[in-house]
Amino acid sequence: MGYDIVTVLGKETVTITLIMIAPLIGTALVVGLAIGIFQAVTSIQEQTLTFLPKLLAVFGVFALSLPWLLDKLTTFATQLLGNLSNYTF
C-alpha cells in the first residue's frame, strides 16, 4: 500500500466523519446560540438551562438523520471493503 492510497483513505475517512457530524454539531450550535440570546435578553444566568434543550435537539436531529447517516456509513464501508484487494500488495 503506497502513501497515495493511505492519503486518499485518510482524506475520505475525515470527510465522511465531518459530513456525518455536521448536522449534530450545527444543531447544538444553533440551539446554544438561541438559548444564549434568550438568556441575555431575559437576564437569566442559569448555566444548566442550556443542557436539556441542546440534548433534546441533538437527539431529535440524530433520530431524524439516522437513516441518512447509516446509508453514508454503509456506502463508505462497502467501498472500503470492496476495494480491499487494491490496498494490499
C-alpha atoms as a PDB file:
ATOM      1  CA  MET A   1       0.000   0.000   0.000  1.00  0.00           C
ATOM      2  CA  GLY A   2       1.526   3.246  -1.116  1.00  0.00           C
ATOM      3  CA  TYR A   3       1.420   6.594   0.551  1.00  0.00           C
ATOM      4  CA  ASP A   4      -1.053   7.902  -2.006  1.00  0.00           C
ATOM      5  CA  ILE A   5      -3.626   5.247  -1.134  1.00  0.00           C
ATOM      6  CA  VAL A   6      -3.224   5.907   2.590  1.00  0.00           C
ATOM      7  CA  THR A   7      -3.617   9.631   1.976  1.00  0.00           C
ATOM      8  CA  VAL A   8      -6.794   9.151  -0.078  1.00  0.00           C
ATOM      9  CA  LEU A   9      -8.285   6.772   2.506  1.00  0.00           C
ATOM     10  CA  GLY A  10      -7.453   9.169   5.333  1.00  0.00           C
ATOM     11  CA  LYS A  11      -8.985  12.082   3.440  1.00  0.00           C
ATOM     12  CA  GLU A  12     -12.152  10.114   2.681  1.00  0.00           C
ATOM     13  CA  THR A  13     -12.432   8.997   6.309  1.00  0.00           C
ATOM     14  CA  VAL A  14     -12.090  12.528   7.662  1.00  0.00           C
ATOM     15  CA  THR A  15     -14.516  13.859   5.040  1.00  0.00           C
ATOM     16  CA  ILE A  16     -17.208  11.281   5.809  1.00  0.00           C
ATOM     17  CA  THR A  17     -16.753  11.894   9.535  1.00  0.00           C
ATOM     18  CA  LEU A  18     -17.211  15.646   9.122  1.00  0.00           C
ATOM     19  CA  ILE A  19     -20.237  15.154   6.881  1.00  0.00           C
ATOM     20  CA  MET A  20     -21.827  12.822   9.414  1.00  0.00           C
ATOM     21  CA  ILE A  21     -21.317  15.044  12.468  1.00  0.00           C
ATOM     22  CA  ALA A  22     -22.151  18.349  10.764  1.00  0.00           C
ATOM     23  CA  PRO A  23     -25.941  18.162  11.378  1.00  0.00           C
ATOM     24  CA  LEU A  24     -25.447  17.315  15.045  1.00  0.00           C
ATOM     25  CA  ILE A  25     -22.836  19.994  15.707  1.00  0.00           C
ATOM     26  CA  GLY A  26     -24.851  22.534  13.718  1.00  0.00           C
ATOM     27  CA  THR A  27     -27.967  21.792  15.730  1.00  0.00           C
ATOM     28  CA  ALA A  28     -26.099  22.173  19.026  1.00  0.00           C
ATOM     29  CA  LEU A  29     -24.634  25.451  17.783  1.00  0.00           C
ATOM     30  CA  VAL A  30     -27.982  26.924  16.700  1.00  0.00           C
ATOM     31  CA  VAL A  31     -29.815  25.826  19.855  1.00  0.00           C
ATOM     32  CA  GLY A  32     -26.991  27.075  22.078  1.00  0.00           C
ATOM     33  CA  LEU A  33     -26.975  30.429  20.307  1.00  0.00           C
ATOM     34  CA  ALA A  34     -30.753  30.777  20.597  1.00  0.00           C
ATOM     35  CA  ILE A  35     -30.678  29.946  24.299  1.00  0.00           C
ATOM     36  CA  GLY A  36     -27.745  32.309  24.830  1.00  0.00           C
ATOM     37  CA  ILE A  37     -29.675  35.136  23.187  1.00  0.00           C
ATOM     38  CA  PHE A  38     -32.728  34.266  25.291  1.00  0.00           C
ATOM     39  CA  GLN A  39     -30.626  34.328  28.451  1.00  0.00           C
ATOM     40  CA  ALA A  40     -29.089  37.676  27.519  1.00  0.00           C
ATOM     41  CA  VAL A  41     -32.489  39.229  26.782  1.00  0.00           C
ATOM     42  CA  THR A  42     -34.157  37.940  29.939  1.00  0.00           C
ATOM     43  CA  SER A  43     -31.087  38.280  32.208  1.00  0.00           C
ATOM     44  CA  ILE A  44     -31.406  34.650  33.313  1.00  0.00           C
ATOM     45  CA  GLN A  45     -27.888  33.450  34.077  1.00  0.00           C
ATOM     46  CA  GLU A  46     -28.598  29.793  34.794  1.00  0.00           C
ATOM     47  CA  GLN A  47     -25.864  27.573  33.326  1.00  0.00           C
ATOM     48  CA  THR A  48     -27.913  24.384  33.423  1.00  0.00           C
ATOM     49  CA  LEU A  49     -30.682  25.903  31.272  1.00  0.00           C
ATOM     50  CA  THR A  50     -28.821  25.134  28.052  1.00  0.00           C
ATOM     51  CA  PHE A  51     -28.185  21.458  28.703  1.00  0.00           C
ATOM     52  CA  LEU A  52     -31.614  19.858  28.265  1.00  0.00           C
ATOM     53  CA  PRO A  53     -32.762  21.766  25.155  1.00  0.00           C
ATOM     54  CA  LYS A  54     -29.441  21.056  23.429  1.00  0.00           C
ATOM     55  CA  LEU A  55     -29.606  17.404  24.393  1.00  0.00           C
ATOM     56  CA  LEU A  56     -33.169  17.017  23.131  1.00  0.00           C
ATOM     57  CA  ALA A  57     -32.488  18.907  19.897  1.00  0.00           C
ATOM     58  CA  VAL A  58     -29.339  16.931  19.082  1.00  0.00           C
ATOM     59  CA  PHE A  59     -31.073  13.649  19.905  1.00  0.00           C
ATOM     60  CA  GLY A  60     -34.036  14.625  17.707  1.00  0.00           C
ATOM     61  CA  VAL A  61     -31.805  15.513  14.770  1.00  0.00           C
ATOM     62  CA  PHE A  62     -29.850  12.310  15.307  1.00  0.00           C
ATOM     63  CA  ALA A  63     -33.048  10.250  15.278  1.00  0.00           C
ATOM     64  CA  LEU A  64     -34.295  12.006  12.138  1.00  0.00           C
ATOM     65  CA  SER A  65     -30.997  11.750  10.271  1.00  0.00           C
ATOM     66  CA  LEU A  66     -30.121   8.216  11.379  1.00  0.00           C
ATOM     67  CA  PRO A  67     -31.223   6.540   8.103  1.00  0.00           C
ATOM     68  CA  TRP A  68     -29.121   9.010   6.106  1.00  0.00           C
ATOM     69  CA  LEU A  69     -26.146   8.568   8.450  1.00  0.00           C
ATOM     70  CA  LEU A  70     -26.340   4.785   8.216  1.00  0.00           C
ATOM     71  CA  ASP A  71     -26.603   4.967   4.424  1.00  0.00           C
ATOM     72  CA  LYS A  72     -23.466   7.141   4.210  1.00  0.00           C
ATOM     73  CA  LEU A  73     -21.569   4.875   6.605  1.00  0.00           C
ATOM     74  CA  THR A  74     -22.686   1.700   4.837  1.00  0.00           C
ATOM     75  CA  THR A  75     -21.720   3.101   1.444  1.00  0.00           C
ATOM     76  CA  PHE A  76     -18.270   4.083   2.730  1.00  0.00           C
ATOM     77  CA  ALA A  77     -17.689   0.704   4.390  1.00  0.00           C
ATOM     78  CA  THR A  78     -18.875  -1.149   1.272  1.00  0.00           C
ATOM     79  CA  GLN A  79     -16.480   0.824  -0.927  1.00  0.00           C
ATOM     80  CA  LEU A  80     -13.634   0.331   1.517  1.00  0.00           C
ATOM     81  CA  LEU A  81     -14.127  -3.404   1.900  1.00  0.00           C
ATOM     82  CA  GLY A  82     -14.985  -3.884  -1.778  1.00  0.00           C
ATOM     83  CA  ASN A  83     -11.641  -2.402  -2.816  1.00  0.00           C
ATOM     84  CA  LEU A  84      -9.652  -4.137  -0.104  1.00  0.00           C
ATOM     85  CA  SER A  85      -7.676  -6.180  -2.624  1.00  0.00           C
ATOM     86  CA  ASN A  86      -6.462  -2.945  -4.241  1.00  0.00           C
ATOM     87  CA  TYR A  87      -4.973  -1.770  -0.943  1.00  0.00           C
ATOM     88  CA  THR A  88      -2.708  -4.783  -0.397  1.00  0.00           C
ATOM     89  CA  PHE A  89       0.497  -5.654  -2.185  1.00  0.00           C
END
